[in-house]
N, C-alpha and C. Protein backbone atom coordinates (compact mmCIF):
# COMPACT_ATOMS: atom_id res chain seq x y z
N MET A 1 118.56 16.87 -168.54
CA MET A 1 119.82 16.07 -168.46
C MET A 1 119.49 15.27 -167.21
N GLY A 2 118.86 15.70 -166.02
CA GLY A 2 118.83 14.85 -165.01
C GLY A 2 117.86 13.65 -165.27
N ASN A 3 116.91 13.64 -166.08
CA ASN A 3 116.22 12.35 -166.45
C ASN A 3 117.07 11.46 -167.16
N LEU A 4 118.01 11.87 -167.86
CA LEU A 4 118.97 10.95 -168.73
C LEU A 4 119.82 10.23 -167.70
N VAL A 5 120.23 11.04 -166.99
CA VAL A 5 121.25 10.38 -165.85
C VAL A 5 120.44 9.32 -164.91
N SER A 6 119.28 9.71 -164.51
CA SER A 6 118.43 8.85 -163.69
C SER A 6 118.09 7.47 -164.59
N GLY A 7 117.88 7.76 -165.86
CA GLY A 7 117.50 6.55 -166.57
C GLY A 7 118.72 5.56 -166.66
N ARG A 8 119.85 6.17 -166.81
CA ARG A 8 121.01 5.33 -166.86
C ARG A 8 121.37 4.63 -165.63
N LYS A 9 121.06 5.19 -164.51
CA LYS A 9 121.20 4.55 -163.24
C LYS A 9 120.34 3.49 -163.10
N ILE A 10 119.08 3.63 -163.45
CA ILE A 10 118.13 2.64 -163.29
C ILE A 10 118.53 1.46 -164.21
N SER A 11 119.04 1.76 -165.52
CA SER A 11 119.46 0.70 -166.43
C SER A 11 120.49 -0.09 -165.78
N GLY A 12 121.67 0.58 -165.25
CA GLY A 12 122.74 0.02 -164.63
C GLY A 12 122.44 -0.99 -163.43
N ILE A 13 121.49 -0.41 -162.54
CA ILE A 13 121.06 -1.06 -161.44
C ILE A 13 120.28 -2.51 -161.86
N ALA A 14 119.48 -2.29 -162.88
CA ALA A 14 118.76 -3.35 -163.45
C ALA A 14 119.74 -4.41 -164.12
N VAL A 15 120.59 -3.99 -164.71
CA VAL A 15 121.46 -5.00 -165.32
C VAL A 15 122.37 -5.70 -164.03
N PHE A 16 122.79 -4.99 -163.31
CA PHE A 16 123.56 -5.50 -162.01
C PHE A 16 122.63 -6.44 -161.28
N LEU A 17 121.31 -6.27 -161.14
CA LEU A 17 120.48 -7.17 -160.27
C LEU A 17 120.39 -8.42 -161.17
N ALA A 18 120.14 -8.20 -162.62
CA ALA A 18 119.87 -9.35 -163.55
C ALA A 18 121.14 -10.35 -163.38
N LEU A 19 122.40 -9.62 -163.51
CA LEU A 19 123.44 -10.47 -163.40
C LEU A 19 123.53 -11.24 -162.15
N LEU A 20 123.31 -10.54 -160.99
CA LEU A 20 123.48 -11.05 -159.69
C LEU A 20 122.39 -12.23 -159.61
N ALA A 21 121.24 -12.15 -160.11
CA ALA A 21 120.26 -13.37 -160.05
C ALA A 21 120.76 -14.35 -160.87
N SER A 22 121.23 -14.15 -162.03
CA SER A 22 121.81 -15.16 -162.95
C SER A 22 122.89 -15.94 -162.20
N ALA A 23 123.74 -15.07 -161.68
CA ALA A 23 124.86 -15.80 -160.92
C ALA A 23 124.41 -16.73 -159.82
N ALA A 24 123.50 -16.33 -159.08
CA ALA A 24 122.93 -16.92 -157.85
C ALA A 24 122.19 -18.30 -158.56
N PHE A 25 121.42 -18.03 -159.45
CA PHE A 25 120.77 -19.28 -160.19
C PHE A 25 121.77 -20.39 -160.58
N LEU A 26 122.85 -19.94 -161.16
CA LEU A 26 123.90 -20.78 -161.76
C LEU A 26 124.56 -21.64 -160.49
N ILE A 27 124.90 -20.77 -159.46
CA ILE A 27 125.60 -21.34 -158.36
C ILE A 27 124.52 -22.46 -157.60
N VAL A 28 123.31 -22.08 -157.45
CA VAL A 28 122.39 -23.08 -156.86
C VAL A 28 122.20 -24.28 -157.63
N THR A 29 122.14 -24.16 -159.07
CA THR A 29 122.04 -25.29 -159.98
C THR A 29 123.23 -26.11 -159.96
N LEU A 30 124.42 -25.60 -159.81
CA LEU A 30 125.68 -26.18 -159.76
C LEU A 30 125.80 -27.17 -158.55
N PHE A 31 125.54 -26.56 -157.51
CA PHE A 31 125.58 -27.23 -156.26
C PHE A 31 124.40 -28.30 -156.03
N SER A 32 123.25 -28.03 -156.59
CA SER A 32 122.17 -29.07 -156.39
C SER A 32 122.62 -30.17 -157.50
N SER A 33 123.14 -30.02 -158.51
CA SER A 33 123.52 -30.95 -159.57
C SER A 33 124.59 -31.87 -158.95
N THR A 34 125.61 -31.18 -158.28
CA THR A 34 126.70 -31.84 -157.50
C THR A 34 126.30 -32.77 -156.52
N ALA A 35 125.33 -32.25 -155.74
CA ALA A 35 124.69 -33.08 -154.59
C ALA A 35 124.04 -34.25 -155.09
N GLU A 36 123.20 -34.13 -156.13
CA GLU A 36 122.40 -35.25 -156.72
C GLU A 36 123.38 -36.22 -157.38
N ALA A 37 124.31 -35.74 -157.96
CA ALA A 37 125.29 -36.77 -158.60
C ALA A 37 126.23 -37.47 -157.59
N GLY A 38 126.42 -36.71 -156.46
CA GLY A 38 127.13 -37.47 -155.35
C GLY A 38 126.39 -38.42 -154.61
N HIS A 39 125.02 -38.24 -154.51
CA HIS A 39 124.04 -39.20 -153.82
C HIS A 39 123.67 -40.35 -154.57
N GLN A 40 124.41 -41.49 -154.24
CA GLN A 40 123.90 -42.70 -154.89
C GLN A 40 123.06 -43.64 -153.98
N PRO A 41 121.94 -43.63 -154.16
CA PRO A 41 121.08 -44.23 -153.22
C PRO A 41 121.32 -45.85 -153.39
N HIS A 42 121.38 -46.45 -152.17
CA HIS A 42 121.72 -47.98 -152.09
C HIS A 42 120.40 -48.67 -152.50
N GLU A 43 120.68 -49.91 -152.97
CA GLU A 43 119.38 -50.71 -153.41
C GLU A 43 118.56 -51.12 -152.26
N PHE A 44 119.02 -50.91 -151.14
CA PHE A 44 118.35 -51.30 -149.81
C PHE A 44 117.85 -50.15 -149.12
N GLU A 45 117.76 -48.94 -149.65
CA GLU A 45 117.33 -47.76 -149.15
C GLU A 45 115.99 -47.88 -148.51
N GLU A 46 115.02 -48.58 -149.36
CA GLU A 46 113.43 -48.65 -148.88
C GLU A 46 113.41 -49.58 -147.64
N PHE A 47 114.51 -50.33 -147.23
CA PHE A 47 114.50 -51.25 -146.11
C PHE A 47 114.96 -50.37 -144.81
N ILE A 48 115.60 -49.27 -145.04
CA ILE A 48 116.12 -48.50 -143.97
C ILE A 48 115.06 -48.15 -143.02
N GLY A 49 115.24 -48.05 -141.72
CA GLY A 49 114.20 -47.61 -140.79
C GLY A 49 114.10 -48.46 -139.45
N PHE A 50 113.04 -48.02 -138.63
CA PHE A 50 112.79 -48.82 -137.36
C PHE A 50 111.47 -49.58 -137.72
N TRP A 51 111.32 -50.82 -137.50
CA TRP A 51 110.11 -51.33 -137.87
C TRP A 51 109.73 -52.44 -136.55
N MET A 52 108.39 -52.47 -136.47
CA MET A 52 107.68 -53.36 -135.35
C MET A 52 106.84 -54.46 -136.04
N ALA A 53 106.65 -55.59 -135.21
CA ALA A 53 105.88 -56.56 -135.55
C ALA A 53 105.45 -57.33 -134.43
N VAL A 54 104.38 -58.12 -134.52
CA VAL A 54 104.04 -59.18 -133.64
C VAL A 54 103.99 -60.52 -134.45
N ASP A 55 104.98 -61.40 -133.94
CA ASP A 55 105.07 -62.61 -134.72
C ASP A 55 103.77 -63.44 -134.65
N PRO A 56 103.22 -63.66 -135.87
CA PRO A 56 101.85 -64.42 -135.80
C PRO A 56 102.00 -65.99 -135.27
N SER A 57 103.27 -66.44 -135.33
CA SER A 57 103.42 -67.89 -134.88
C SER A 57 103.48 -68.03 -133.49
N ASP A 58 103.90 -66.99 -132.57
CA ASP A 58 104.03 -67.14 -131.24
C ASP A 58 103.57 -65.97 -130.38
N GLY A 59 103.10 -64.75 -131.08
CA GLY A 59 102.67 -63.66 -130.44
C GLY A 59 103.83 -62.77 -129.71
N GLY A 60 105.07 -63.13 -130.13
CA GLY A 60 106.38 -62.40 -129.55
C GLY A 60 106.29 -60.86 -130.31
N PHE A 61 106.67 -60.08 -129.57
CA PHE A 61 106.85 -58.62 -129.78
C PHE A 61 108.31 -58.44 -130.54
N ASN A 62 108.33 -57.88 -131.73
CA ASN A 62 109.60 -57.89 -132.48
C ASN A 62 109.92 -56.33 -132.76
N LYS A 63 111.16 -55.90 -132.53
CA LYS A 63 111.59 -54.61 -132.96
C LYS A 63 112.78 -54.62 -133.65
N LEU A 64 112.71 -54.11 -134.99
CA LEU A 64 113.68 -54.30 -136.03
C LEU A 64 114.38 -52.96 -136.38
N SER A 65 115.72 -52.88 -136.43
CA SER A 65 116.34 -51.69 -137.03
C SER A 65 117.29 -52.08 -138.05
N ILE A 66 117.02 -51.31 -139.22
CA ILE A 66 117.90 -51.59 -140.49
C ILE A 66 118.47 -50.32 -140.84
N THR A 67 119.81 -50.29 -140.71
CA THR A 67 120.54 -49.05 -141.18
C THR A 67 121.67 -49.32 -142.28
N ASP A 68 122.15 -48.17 -142.73
CA ASP A 68 123.17 -48.32 -143.82
C ASP A 68 124.53 -48.41 -142.98
N SER A 69 125.27 -49.59 -143.35
CA SER A 69 126.50 -49.90 -142.53
C SER A 69 127.63 -49.05 -143.04
N GLY A 70 127.38 -48.35 -144.19
CA GLY A 70 128.56 -47.36 -144.67
C GLY A 70 129.37 -48.30 -145.50
N ASP A 71 129.38 -49.40 -145.79
CA ASP A 71 130.20 -50.26 -146.73
C ASP A 71 129.45 -50.86 -147.78
N GLY A 72 128.31 -50.44 -148.10
CA GLY A 72 127.43 -51.03 -149.25
C GLY A 72 126.67 -52.11 -148.75
N THR A 73 126.48 -52.40 -147.50
CA THR A 73 125.54 -53.50 -146.79
C THR A 73 124.54 -52.81 -146.08
N ALA A 74 123.60 -53.46 -145.74
CA ALA A 74 122.71 -53.01 -144.60
C ALA A 74 122.85 -53.68 -143.39
N LYS A 75 122.82 -52.93 -142.25
CA LYS A 75 122.99 -53.58 -140.90
C LYS A 75 121.72 -53.79 -140.21
N LEU A 76 121.67 -55.07 -139.77
CA LEU A 76 120.19 -55.44 -139.23
C LEU A 76 120.42 -55.84 -137.67
N GLY A 77 119.46 -55.26 -136.76
CA GLY A 77 119.50 -55.48 -135.54
C GLY A 77 117.96 -55.86 -135.10
N LEU A 78 117.75 -56.84 -134.45
CA LEU A 78 116.35 -57.34 -134.32
C LEU A 78 116.43 -57.98 -132.80
N SER A 79 115.37 -57.42 -132.07
CA SER A 79 115.04 -58.04 -130.88
C SER A 79 113.84 -58.69 -130.64
N GLU A 80 113.62 -59.84 -130.15
CA GLU A 80 112.34 -60.55 -130.03
C GLU A 80 112.19 -60.93 -128.62
N THR A 81 110.88 -61.00 -128.18
CA THR A 81 110.59 -61.41 -126.96
C THR A 81 110.34 -62.77 -126.78
N PHE A 82 110.13 -63.74 -127.69
CA PHE A 82 109.95 -64.96 -127.53
C PHE A 82 110.76 -65.74 -128.97
N VAL A 83 111.64 -66.46 -128.71
CA VAL A 83 112.33 -67.19 -129.80
C VAL A 83 112.30 -68.69 -129.34
N SER A 84 111.89 -69.50 -130.26
CA SER A 84 111.86 -70.98 -130.03
C SER A 84 113.35 -71.55 -129.77
N THR A 85 114.38 -71.06 -130.67
CA THR A 85 115.66 -71.31 -130.40
C THR A 85 116.22 -71.15 -129.03
N CYS A 86 115.69 -70.27 -128.32
CA CYS A 86 116.13 -69.74 -126.83
C CYS A 86 115.10 -70.38 -125.87
N ASP A 87 114.46 -71.47 -126.06
CA ASP A 87 113.47 -72.06 -125.36
C ASP A 87 112.41 -71.19 -124.85
N GLY A 88 111.96 -70.31 -125.78
CA GLY A 88 110.91 -69.29 -125.68
C GLY A 88 111.27 -68.04 -124.98
N GLY A 89 112.60 -67.94 -124.81
CA GLY A 89 113.23 -66.64 -124.24
C GLY A 89 113.58 -65.61 -125.27
N ARG A 90 113.94 -64.54 -124.63
CA ARG A 90 114.34 -63.40 -125.61
C ARG A 90 115.51 -63.57 -126.26
N ALA A 91 115.63 -62.81 -127.32
CA ALA A 91 117.00 -62.90 -128.18
C ALA A 91 117.30 -61.69 -129.01
N THR A 92 118.43 -61.57 -129.33
CA THR A 92 118.76 -60.48 -130.35
C THR A 92 119.36 -61.15 -131.61
N LEU A 93 119.00 -60.77 -132.77
CA LEU A 93 119.37 -61.34 -133.99
C LEU A 93 120.15 -60.25 -134.76
N SER A 94 121.26 -60.42 -135.48
CA SER A 94 122.02 -59.43 -136.14
C SER A 94 122.67 -60.01 -137.22
N GLY A 95 122.92 -59.07 -138.15
CA GLY A 95 123.82 -59.36 -139.40
C GLY A 95 123.83 -58.25 -140.52
N LEU A 96 124.62 -58.37 -141.34
CA LEU A 96 124.73 -57.54 -142.64
C LEU A 96 124.27 -58.24 -143.68
N GLY A 97 123.30 -57.34 -144.52
CA GLY A 97 122.70 -58.08 -145.84
C GLY A 97 122.99 -57.10 -147.10
N GLU A 98 122.51 -57.75 -148.11
CA GLU A 98 122.47 -57.25 -149.46
C GLU A 98 121.18 -57.48 -150.08
N VAL A 99 120.95 -56.56 -151.02
CA VAL A 99 119.66 -56.88 -151.89
C VAL A 99 120.02 -57.95 -152.90
N ASN A 100 119.31 -58.93 -152.89
CA ASN A 100 119.57 -60.04 -154.11
C ASN A 100 118.73 -59.70 -155.42
N GLU A 101 118.85 -60.71 -156.28
CA GLU A 101 118.53 -60.41 -157.67
C GLU A 101 116.91 -60.29 -157.69
N ASP A 102 116.28 -60.75 -156.72
CA ASP A 102 114.73 -60.64 -156.68
C ASP A 102 114.31 -59.35 -156.05
N GLY A 103 115.29 -58.50 -155.56
CA GLY A 103 114.96 -57.17 -154.95
C GLY A 103 114.75 -57.32 -153.36
N ASP A 104 114.94 -58.55 -152.88
CA ASP A 104 114.82 -58.71 -151.40
C ASP A 104 115.94 -58.56 -150.63
N LEU A 105 115.90 -58.23 -149.45
CA LEU A 105 117.16 -57.92 -148.45
C LEU A 105 117.41 -59.20 -147.95
N ALA A 106 118.52 -59.81 -148.37
CA ALA A 106 118.96 -61.00 -147.76
C ALA A 106 119.97 -60.97 -146.71
N VAL A 107 119.70 -61.32 -145.46
CA VAL A 107 120.62 -61.13 -144.37
C VAL A 107 121.00 -62.33 -143.67
N PRO A 108 122.28 -62.92 -143.60
CA PRO A 108 122.69 -63.86 -142.75
C PRO A 108 122.61 -63.54 -141.30
N ILE A 109 121.60 -63.92 -140.69
CA ILE A 109 121.52 -63.54 -139.21
C ILE A 109 122.22 -64.59 -138.15
N THR A 110 122.52 -63.86 -137.13
CA THR A 110 123.00 -64.75 -135.98
C THR A 110 121.99 -64.55 -134.63
N ILE A 111 121.63 -65.51 -134.16
CA ILE A 111 120.86 -65.30 -132.84
C ILE A 111 121.53 -65.59 -131.64
N GLN A 112 121.42 -64.48 -130.71
CA GLN A 112 122.05 -64.54 -129.50
C GLN A 112 120.79 -64.59 -128.38
N CYS A 113 120.75 -65.60 -127.73
CA CYS A 113 119.71 -65.76 -126.59
C CYS A 113 120.15 -64.99 -125.40
N LEU A 114 119.11 -64.33 -124.61
CA LEU A 114 119.48 -63.73 -123.47
C LEU A 114 118.96 -64.03 -122.38
N GLU A 115 119.68 -63.79 -121.10
CA GLU A 115 119.15 -64.15 -119.91
C GLU A 115 118.21 -63.09 -119.37
N ASP A 116 117.21 -63.59 -118.56
CA ASP A 116 116.15 -62.71 -117.84
C ASP A 116 116.76 -62.68 -116.41
N PRO A 117 116.65 -61.51 -116.01
CA PRO A 117 116.28 -60.18 -116.54
C PRO A 117 117.53 -59.24 -116.80
N THR A 118 118.71 -59.82 -116.83
CA THR A 118 119.89 -59.00 -117.12
C THR A 118 120.18 -58.65 -118.65
N ASN A 119 119.75 -59.49 -119.50
CA ASN A 119 119.97 -59.34 -120.94
C ASN A 119 121.40 -59.56 -121.40
N ASP A 120 122.14 -60.31 -120.32
CA ASP A 120 123.45 -60.80 -120.60
C ASP A 120 123.29 -62.03 -121.56
N PRO A 121 124.28 -62.35 -122.49
CA PRO A 121 124.07 -63.38 -123.47
C PRO A 121 124.05 -64.73 -122.71
N ASP A 122 123.22 -65.71 -123.26
CA ASP A 122 123.06 -66.92 -122.68
C ASP A 122 123.49 -67.87 -123.65
N GLY A 123 124.61 -68.41 -123.38
CA GLY A 123 125.16 -69.43 -124.36
C GLY A 123 125.80 -68.85 -125.56
N ASP A 124 126.29 -69.76 -126.47
CA ASP A 124 126.76 -69.43 -127.78
C ASP A 124 125.82 -68.81 -128.77
N PRO A 125 126.20 -67.84 -129.72
CA PRO A 125 125.28 -67.44 -130.63
C PRO A 125 125.19 -68.76 -131.59
N VAL A 126 123.99 -68.67 -132.23
CA VAL A 126 123.43 -69.66 -133.13
C VAL A 126 123.26 -69.01 -134.57
N GLY A 127 123.83 -69.91 -135.59
CA GLY A 127 123.72 -69.25 -136.90
C GLY A 127 125.05 -69.21 -137.64
N PRO A 128 125.04 -68.48 -138.63
CA PRO A 128 124.20 -67.77 -139.41
C PRO A 128 123.04 -68.68 -140.13
N PHE A 129 122.03 -67.91 -140.24
CA PHE A 129 120.71 -68.25 -141.08
C PHE A 129 120.44 -67.14 -141.95
N THR A 130 120.30 -67.60 -143.35
CA THR A 130 119.88 -66.38 -144.14
C THR A 130 118.38 -66.26 -144.20
N VAL A 131 117.83 -64.93 -143.96
CA VAL A 131 116.54 -64.64 -143.92
C VAL A 131 116.29 -63.60 -145.00
N ASN A 132 115.03 -63.44 -145.51
CA ASN A 132 114.82 -62.48 -146.57
C ASN A 132 113.70 -61.45 -146.08
N PHE A 133 114.07 -60.29 -146.36
CA PHE A 133 112.93 -59.31 -146.19
C PHE A 133 112.36 -58.81 -147.62
N VAL A 134 111.03 -58.82 -147.51
CA VAL A 134 110.56 -58.54 -148.90
C VAL A 134 109.56 -57.30 -148.81
N VAL A 135 109.63 -56.35 -149.65
CA VAL A 135 108.67 -55.08 -149.69
C VAL A 135 107.49 -55.68 -150.06
N LEU A 136 106.53 -55.31 -149.26
CA LEU A 136 104.97 -55.73 -149.57
C LEU A 136 104.31 -54.43 -150.00
N GLY A 137 104.60 -53.28 -149.59
CA GLY A 137 104.04 -52.14 -149.81
C GLY A 137 104.65 -50.99 -149.19
N ASP A 138 104.13 -49.58 -149.13
CA ASP A 138 104.56 -48.61 -148.53
C ASP A 138 104.65 -48.98 -146.93
N ASN A 139 105.67 -48.73 -146.32
CA ASN A 139 106.12 -48.81 -144.98
C ASN A 139 105.55 -50.21 -144.50
N LEU A 140 105.84 -51.37 -145.31
CA LEU A 140 105.44 -52.71 -144.92
C LEU A 140 106.39 -53.67 -145.66
N ILE A 141 107.18 -54.26 -144.89
CA ILE A 141 107.98 -55.48 -145.38
C ILE A 141 107.58 -56.73 -144.65
N GLU A 142 108.22 -57.78 -145.13
CA GLU A 142 107.90 -59.10 -144.54
C GLU A 142 109.07 -59.93 -144.35
N PHE A 143 109.29 -60.51 -143.15
CA PHE A 143 110.38 -61.29 -142.76
C PHE A 143 110.15 -62.68 -143.20
N GLN A 144 110.94 -63.22 -143.95
CA GLN A 144 110.68 -64.69 -144.47
C GLN A 144 111.82 -65.62 -144.14
N PHE A 145 111.48 -66.73 -143.49
CA PHE A 145 112.46 -67.88 -143.23
C PHE A 145 111.81 -69.13 -143.29
N ARG A 146 112.11 -69.94 -144.13
CA ARG A 146 111.39 -71.22 -144.51
C ARG A 146 109.95 -70.72 -144.57
N SER A 147 109.21 -71.56 -143.68
CA SER A 147 107.61 -71.22 -143.96
C SER A 147 107.16 -70.02 -143.22
N LEU A 148 108.05 -69.50 -142.21
CA LEU A 148 107.63 -68.42 -141.20
C LEU A 148 107.72 -67.07 -142.08
N ARG A 149 106.42 -66.31 -141.91
CA ARG A 149 106.17 -65.03 -142.36
C ARG A 149 105.68 -64.01 -141.44
N VAL A 150 106.60 -62.92 -141.28
CA VAL A 150 106.19 -61.92 -140.25
C VAL A 150 106.12 -60.53 -140.82
N PRO A 151 104.93 -59.94 -140.78
CA PRO A 151 105.05 -58.57 -141.43
C PRO A 151 105.43 -57.54 -140.56
N TYR A 152 106.03 -56.71 -141.00
CA TYR A 152 106.86 -55.40 -140.05
C TYR A 152 106.37 -54.09 -140.70
N HIS A 153 105.79 -53.33 -139.78
CA HIS A 153 105.42 -52.00 -140.12
C HIS A 153 106.37 -50.86 -139.72
N LYS A 154 106.79 -50.18 -140.64
CA LYS A 154 107.69 -49.15 -140.59
C LYS A 154 107.07 -47.99 -139.37
N ILE A 155 107.99 -47.55 -138.51
CA ILE A 155 107.64 -46.72 -137.44
C ILE A 155 108.46 -45.49 -137.66
N SER A 156 109.67 -45.65 -138.18
CA SER A 156 110.46 -44.34 -138.18
C SER A 156 111.48 -44.70 -139.54
N SER A 157 111.85 -43.62 -140.38
CA SER A 157 112.79 -43.64 -141.19
C SER A 157 114.25 -43.34 -140.87
N ASP A 158 114.16 -42.82 -139.57
CA ASP A 158 115.43 -42.19 -138.97
C ASP A 158 116.32 -43.29 -138.24
């Protein structure tokens, strides 16, 4: 009789563990499906990150940040060490953009010249001018404005 009782205990424990594992699997599946359904990647997701470039037209060093503004647009912040609009001085460029029908990130930017060495604004902002960012490959985009082309390399996705 001892073996019969021991066998029932093992069967009961096995059934309990199987039910517990099934319940855990269903819960994990439910939450992961909900998370995936709730995550709608923006068309501009591949542009998000911190980028750097050297402008081939003037040798200026450029730092570019593209983030999700939270309202369906991409927020752009760009600092350049040499901007012809600013008589060769430094400037920041900023704007909010969206992906156009060609898959490029189109951003109307405003240029703000900066004073040396304080970084205070120098004069009134100039713009906006619409520029495009085009994906060239993994971790590589290109800034395009008229005939100017500047390749940017992704440094970080955060």
